[in-house]
Structures are given as C-alpha cells and as structure tokens.
Amino acid sequence: MTSRPSQSPPESYGTIGKYVVLRRIGEGGMGTIFEARHPVLGQSVAIKVMTATAAGGVYERFQREARATAQLSSPHIATIIDVDTLPNGLPYMVMEMLVGNDLEVEIAQLGRLPVECAADYVAQALEGIAEAHAAGIVHRDLKPSNIFLCKSTRAPARTVVKLIDFGLVRVSGAGGKRLTGTFDTFGTPDYMSPEQVRGAHEVDARSDLWSLGIVLYEALVGQAPFEGSATNIIASIVANQVTPPSKRRPDIPRELDAVISRALQKNPDDRF
C-alpha cells in the first residue's frame, strides 16, 4: 500500500516537474488544477496536483484516474500527457489545456439549449464514453460540469466535447484492493442511477448511460428531472418516473422523449 504524503500542494512553486506554472485555474474532484507551459516547446497544459489533505482512498483513486484515462485515445476525452510525483510525494497528472467552458456553464447561461445542439453534445459524449466502456472503464460521475465544450476558432467552427474528471472511475478487472466505504455511493445525486444510489458494488456502463440521459434532459429543458434536497432527489430516482421532456418543452421531438425514457429506466436491463 502506498503511503500518503502530508505536505502542501505546490501553489507557490515556480515549476511542476519540467513545466512552468502560470496560474491556478480551479479545483478538481481530488486536486488543484494549474495552467502551465513547457519551457522549450511553449505548449500550454493543465496540471492536476492531488490535494495533500485528501484521504487515503482519494490518493489511490487519483492514481487510478491517471492510469485509466491515460490508456484512452478518444478525441472526446481529455488527453493525459504525463503522470509523475513531486519531490514532496504528491502525485500529479499533466493534461491537454482545454479552451472553452463546461456544459454546466452553458446551461446556466442559455437555459434551454437548442435541440440539435443538446443532442450533438450528448452524442459526442457518448462517443467518448463508448471507448471508455470498451476498455472496461465506467466513469460514474458524468454530469454537465464534467462535459467540457471546447470552442474552436477554426472554420467551420464546431464545438468539440471532451469528458473530464474520471476521479470516480471503476475499472473492470483492475485488480488490487477494492476502495470501499463512502466512495461506493460517491457522486452527484442529481445524475446518479438507481443502482448507484443504492450503493451497488457492480455499477456498470449502463449507469453512465442513465447519467447522460439526465444530462440530455437538463440540456433540453434547462432543469434536471429530479429536484429538491439531496434526500428528495435520491428518493425520486429510486421511485418516481420521469415526466417526458416534451411535456415541459413542446418543440422537443417525441423521438428524443423515447431516447430519454429508455436511458432512464430504473432497471439497468431495460436501458440501452
């Protein structure tokens, strides 16, 4: 078992590994994210450094995220460039620098997205998660804030979707000890499948499809289908049927109603 470092993350460091740190740009599920630059190539990258105060289970999950994501090559998953450890023992991963905003910001700014736009974003996310699933990787935390919209400046302009933050990834046949405890049901309640809410140990790819069904619903309607306190949301996920999105927005095609209904079946066997 790997021991957990106790020192602070390098917020005041001039460099992380070979990279020159430019600024702190955010917080991920398990660490601090910096923008940095390769001193020779001039390449801009994002570097996630694990938080020093993270619990031991999070330390293992950080390493698992790096290993799992690094093997994926889909254009719809943020690329891992390098993984290493700082002198103080904190692990970090170097990722491609993404320019744009996440889907959560897009929905907050626009409310209901155009139908074609919402469908395109989720279709691209499905392409990315399909490669992960083929590799035995289940994301388990798909939500608008983990779906990044890369804004292209090239003509013709097109928004490219990239999935980020595989911090709750589950890898089939990964070996090693199971990370149990509170992390078994960890996630964002609004997007968790019924089986994930119940803490099922064997949550599989169909749970991710449920989550993307919720994401598509929210992108189309401007609100997730289940709302209220976390307790109320969890109860609704287990027991309540979803109101078809076309009931809340008449211009939504019935075909999309059917897609969302299939994705949000309580029994995983009844989903896609």
Protein backbone atom coordinates (compact mmCIF):
# COMPACT_ATOMS: atom_id res chain seq x y z
CA MET A 1 0.00 0.00 0.00
CA THR A 2 1.31 3.43 -0.93
CA SER A 3 1.81 5.87 1.93
CA ARG A 4 0.05 9.25 1.66
CA PRO A 5 2.17 12.44 1.58
CA SER A 6 1.48 15.12 4.17
CA GLN A 7 3.00 18.26 2.68
CA SER A 8 1.07 21.04 0.94
CA PRO A 9 0.48 21.23 -2.84
CA PRO A 10 2.88 23.43 -4.82
CA GLU A 11 0.80 26.60 -5.04
CA SER A 12 3.93 28.73 -4.57
CA TYR A 13 6.23 26.61 -6.78
CA GLY A 14 7.65 28.17 -9.93
CA THR A 15 7.59 24.81 -11.65
CA ILE A 16 5.86 21.44 -11.53
CA GLY A 17 8.26 18.93 -12.96
CA LYS A 18 9.58 20.42 -16.19
CA TYR A 19 6.59 22.77 -16.56
CA VAL A 20 6.48 26.46 -15.60
CA VAL A 21 3.36 27.21 -13.56
CA LEU A 22 1.39 30.19 -14.88
CA ARG A 23 -1.69 30.30 -12.66
CA ARG A 24 -4.12 28.30 -10.60
CA ILE A 25 -7.28 27.70 -12.62
CA GLY A 26 -9.53 25.57 -10.44
CA GLU A 27 -10.28 22.63 -8.20
CA GLY A 28 -10.92 19.12 -9.45
CA GLY A 29 -12.53 16.23 -7.66
CA MET A 30 -9.28 15.34 -5.89
CA GLY A 31 -6.82 18.12 -6.52
CA THR A 32 -5.83 21.61 -7.57
CA ILE A 33 -5.52 22.42 -11.27
CA PHE A 34 -2.87 24.75 -12.67
CA GLU A 35 -2.18 26.16 -16.10
CA ALA A 36 1.45 25.62 -17.02
CA ARG A 37 3.77 25.85 -20.02
CA HIS A 38 6.51 23.63 -21.37
CA PRO A 39 9.69 25.77 -21.15
CA VAL A 40 11.08 24.64 -24.52
CA LEU A 41 8.06 23.81 -26.68
CA GLY A 42 5.86 26.60 -25.32
CA GLN A 43 2.98 24.12 -25.08
CA SER A 44 0.22 25.10 -22.64
CA VAL A 45 -1.02 22.29 -20.40
CA ALA A 46 -3.25 21.78 -17.40
CA ILE A 47 -1.73 20.04 -14.38
CA LYS A 48 -3.80 18.44 -11.64
CA VAL A 49 -1.93 18.02 -8.35
CA MET A 50 -3.54 15.87 -5.69
CA THR A 51 -4.63 17.71 -2.57
CA ALA A 52 -2.30 16.89 0.30
CA THR A 53 -5.16 16.66 2.81
CA ALA A 54 -7.03 14.07 0.75
CA ALA A 55 -7.95 10.83 2.48
CA GLY A 56 -6.02 7.67 1.67
CA GLY A 57 -8.80 6.36 -0.56
CA VAL A 58 -8.65 9.53 -2.63
CA TYR A 59 -4.90 9.06 -3.08
CA GLU A 60 -5.46 5.64 -4.62
CA ARG A 61 -8.31 6.98 -6.74
CA PHE A 62 -6.10 9.77 -8.09
CA GLN A 63 -3.58 7.21 -9.27
CA ARG A 64 -6.34 5.05 -10.71
CA GLU A 65 -7.78 8.01 -12.64
CA ALA A 66 -4.38 8.72 -14.17
CA ARG A 67 -3.78 5.11 -15.21
CA ALA A 68 -7.28 4.61 -16.59
CA THR A 69 -7.53 7.86 -18.54
CA ALA A 70 -4.02 7.62 -19.99
CA GLN A 71 -4.94 4.50 -21.96
CA LEU A 72 -7.84 6.23 -23.76
CA SER A 73 -7.32 7.98 -27.10
CA SER A 74 -10.80 9.23 -27.99
CA PRO A 75 -10.95 12.82 -29.28
CA HIS A 76 -13.85 13.20 -26.85
CA ILE A 77 -11.81 12.50 -23.70
CA ALA A 78 -9.25 14.97 -22.33
CA THR A 79 -5.77 13.63 -23.10
CA ILE A 80 -3.34 12.69 -20.32
CA ILE A 81 0.18 13.69 -21.39
CA ASP A 82 2.23 12.63 -18.38
CA VAL A 83 1.99 11.39 -14.81
CA ASP A 84 4.64 11.89 -12.16
CA THR A 85 5.27 12.64 -8.49
CA LEU A 86 6.59 15.82 -6.89
CA PRO A 87 9.59 15.71 -4.52
CA ASN A 88 7.18 16.03 -1.57
CA GLY A 89 5.38 12.85 -2.68
CA LEU A 90 2.27 14.44 -4.19
CA PRO A 91 1.25 12.80 -7.47
CA TYR A 92 0.24 14.93 -10.43
CA MET A 93 -1.01 14.43 -13.97
CA VAL A 94 -0.37 16.63 -16.99
CA MET A 95 -3.34 17.07 -19.34
CA GLU A 96 -4.10 18.93 -22.52
CA MET A 97 -5.21 22.51 -21.92
CA LEU A 98 -8.85 22.95 -22.88
CA VAL A 99 -10.28 26.29 -24.02
CA GLY A 100 -13.97 26.93 -23.58
CA ASN A 101 -16.41 26.14 -20.77
CA ASP A 102 -18.27 23.17 -19.38
CA LEU A 103 -21.86 22.24 -20.13
CA GLU A 104 -22.99 23.36 -16.67
CA VAL A 105 -21.90 26.91 -17.51
CA GLU A 106 -23.56 26.68 -20.92
CA ILE A 107 -26.91 25.65 -19.41
CA ALA A 108 -26.64 28.34 -16.73
CA GLN A 109 -26.06 30.99 -19.40
CA LEU A 110 -28.55 29.83 -22.02
CA GLY A 111 -31.14 27.84 -20.07
CA ARG A 112 -32.67 25.52 -22.64
CA LEU A 113 -30.18 24.65 -25.37
CA PRO A 114 -31.29 24.30 -29.00
CA VAL A 115 -32.48 20.73 -29.55
CA GLU A 116 -29.86 19.98 -32.22
CA CYS A 117 -27.11 21.43 -30.03
CA ALA A 118 -28.07 19.42 -26.93
CA ALA A 119 -28.31 16.22 -28.96
CA ASP A 120 -24.92 16.86 -30.60
CA TYR A 121 -23.18 17.46 -27.27
CA VAL A 122 -24.53 14.27 -25.74
CA ALA A 123 -23.81 12.27 -28.91
CA GLN A 124 -20.17 13.35 -28.72
CA ALA A 125 -20.06 12.48 -25.02
CA LEU A 126 -21.43 9.05 -25.91
CA GLU A 127 -18.62 8.55 -28.43
CA GLY A 128 -16.07 9.26 -25.70
CA ILE A 129 -17.70 7.11 -23.04
CA ALA A 130 -18.10 4.25 -25.55
CA GLU A 131 -14.31 3.98 -25.81
CA ALA A 132 -14.00 4.04 -22.03
CA HIS A 133 -16.63 1.31 -21.69
CA ALA A 134 -14.88 -0.80 -24.34
CA ALA A 135 -11.77 -0.61 -22.14
CA GLY A 136 -13.75 -1.71 -19.09
CA ILE A 137 -13.85 1.80 -17.59
CA VAL A 138 -17.01 3.24 -16.02
CA HIS A 139 -16.91 6.98 -15.28
CA ARG A 140 -19.60 7.02 -12.51
CA ASP A 141 -19.72 10.83 -12.28
CA LEU A 142 -20.98 12.07 -15.65
CA LYS A 143 -22.65 15.46 -15.24
CA PRO A 144 -22.64 18.82 -17.07
CA SER A 145 -19.57 20.10 -15.20
CA ASN A 146 -17.58 17.06 -16.41
CA ILE A 147 -18.57 17.62 -20.05
CA PHE A 148 -16.26 20.29 -21.46
CA LEU A 149 -17.17 22.25 -24.57
CA CYS A 150 -14.00 23.16 -26.47
CA LYS A 151 -14.67 26.24 -28.57
CA SER A 152 -12.91 26.04 -31.92
CA THR A 153 -11.66 29.19 -33.63
CA ARG A 154 -11.15 27.38 -36.92
CA ALA A 155 -13.58 27.49 -39.81
CA PRO A 156 -16.01 25.90 -39.94
CA ALA A 157 -16.34 26.45 -36.19
CA ARG A 158 -17.53 23.43 -34.21
CA THR A 159 -17.73 22.79 -30.51
CA VAL A 160 -15.86 19.61 -29.59
CA VAL A 161 -16.99 17.82 -26.44
CA LYS A 162 -14.39 16.27 -24.13
CA LEU A 163 -15.13 14.27 -20.99
CA ILE A 164 -13.05 15.22 -17.95
CA ASP A 165 -12.54 14.18 -14.32
CA PHE A 166 -12.51 10.39 -14.20
CA GLY A 167 -11.92 10.61 -10.44
CA LEU A 168 -14.64 8.09 -9.58
CA VAL A 169 -13.68 5.70 -12.34
CA ARG A 170 -14.26 1.99 -11.88
CA VAL A 171 -12.02 -0.32 -13.90
CA SER A 172 -13.21 -3.85 -14.58
CA GLY A 173 -10.58 -6.42 -13.71
CA ALA A 174 -8.27 -3.71 -12.37
CA GLY A 175 -7.02 -5.95 -9.59
CA GLY A 176 -5.84 -4.80 -6.22
CA LYS A 177 -7.97 -3.99 -3.22
CA ARG A 178 -11.45 -2.55 -3.57
CA LEU A 179 -11.80 1.02 -2.39
CA THR A 180 -14.82 0.72 -0.16
CA GLY A 181 -16.69 2.90 2.29
CA THR A 182 -18.33 6.22 1.46
CA PHE A 183 -16.87 6.22 -2.04
CA ASP A 184 -19.15 3.35 -3.11
CA THR A 185 -22.06 5.79 -3.38
CA PHE A 186 -20.00 8.90 -4.00
CA GLY A 187 -21.11 11.11 -6.86
CA THR A 188 -23.56 13.92 -7.61
CA PRO A 189 -27.06 12.79 -6.55
CA ASP A 190 -28.88 14.50 -9.45
CA TYR A 191 -27.12 12.29 -12.01
CA MET A 192 -26.74 9.02 -10.13
CA SER A 193 -28.52 5.90 -11.36
CA PRO A 194 -30.85 3.95 -9.04
CA GLU A 195 -28.26 1.20 -8.62
CA GLN A 196 -25.55 3.74 -7.78
CA VAL A 197 -27.84 5.40 -5.24
CA ARG A 198 -28.35 2.02 -3.58
CA GLY A 199 -24.57 1.59 -3.32
CA ALA A 200 -24.33 -1.36 -5.68
CA HIS A 201 -20.75 -2.67 -5.89
CA GLU A 202 -21.07 -3.73 -9.51
CA VAL A 203 -22.25 -0.48 -11.14
CA ASP A 204 -21.55 -0.92 -14.86
CA ALA A 205 -21.67 1.02 -18.12
CA ARG A 206 -25.46 1.29 -18.01
CA SER A 207 -25.14 3.61 -15.02
CA ASP A 208 -23.21 6.07 -17.20
CA LEU A 209 -26.00 5.89 -19.79
CA TRP A 210 -28.52 6.85 -17.11
CA SER A 211 -26.35 9.85 -16.19
CA LEU A 212 -26.13 11.01 -19.80
CA GLY A 213 -29.91 10.63 -20.08
CA ILE A 214 -30.24 13.05 -17.17
CA VAL A 215 -27.71 15.39 -18.81
CA LEU A 216 -29.65 15.38 -22.10
CA TYR A 217 -32.90 16.06 -20.26
CA GLU A 218 -31.36 19.02 -18.41
CA ALA A 219 -29.77 20.44 -21.55
CA LEU A 220 -33.15 20.34 -23.34
CA VAL A 221 -35.37 21.56 -20.50
CA GLY A 222 -32.98 23.74 -18.51
CA GLN A 223 -33.58 21.71 -15.36
CA ALA A 224 -32.84 18.17 -14.25
CA PRO A 225 -35.90 15.90 -13.97
CA PHE A 226 -35.50 15.36 -10.22
CA GLU A 227 -35.11 18.40 -7.98
CA GLY A 228 -35.16 19.35 -4.31
CA SER A 229 -32.92 18.30 -1.45
CA ALA A 230 -30.40 15.52 -1.93
CA THR A 231 -32.68 13.20 0.06
CA ASN A 232 -35.70 14.03 -2.13
CA ILE A 233 -33.69 13.61 -5.32
CA ILE A 234 -32.42 10.20 -4.24
CA ALA A 235 -35.94 9.07 -3.30
CA SER A 236 -37.27 10.26 -6.66
CA ILE A 237 -34.51 8.50 -8.59
CA VAL A 238 -35.47 5.21 -6.99
CA ALA A 239 -39.26 5.55 -7.05
CA ASN A 240 -40.55 8.23 -9.45
CA GLN A 241 -41.00 8.13 -13.19
CA VAL A 242 -39.62 10.98 -15.29
CA THR A 243 -42.01 13.45 -16.90
CA PRO A 244 -41.30 13.36 -20.67
CA PRO A 245 -39.25 16.44 -21.61
CA SER A 246 -41.73 17.35 -24.36
CA LYS A 247 -44.32 17.97 -21.62
CA ARG A 248 -42.07 20.77 -20.39
CA ARG A 249 -40.90 21.92 -23.81
CA PRO A 250 -43.30 21.20 -26.71
CA ASP A 251 -40.73 21.57 -29.53
CA ILE A 252 -38.78 18.51 -28.35
CA PRO A 253 -39.30 15.65 -30.83
CA ARG A 254 -41.07 12.59 -29.48
CA GLU A 255 -38.11 10.53 -30.70
CA LEU A 256 -35.96 12.26 -28.09
CA ASP A 257 -38.64 11.55 -25.48
CA ALA A 258 -38.26 7.88 -26.33
CA VAL A 259 -34.44 8.00 -26.14
CA ILE A 260 -34.52 9.66 -22.73
CA SER A 261 -37.22 7.32 -21.45
CA ARG A 262 -35.12 4.31 -22.44
CA ALA A 263 -31.97 5.75 -20.86
CA LEU A 264 -33.82 6.44 -17.59
CA GLN A 265 -35.36 3.05 -16.98
CA LYS A 266 -35.00 2.04 -13.33
CA ASN A 267 -33.90 -1.47 -14.26
CA PRO A 268 -30.49 -1.38 -15.99
CA ASP A 269 -31.56 -4.32 -18.18
CA ASP A 270 -34.22 -2.10 -19.76
CA ARG A 271 -31.78 0.63 -20.85
CA PHE A 272 -29.70 0.79 -23.99
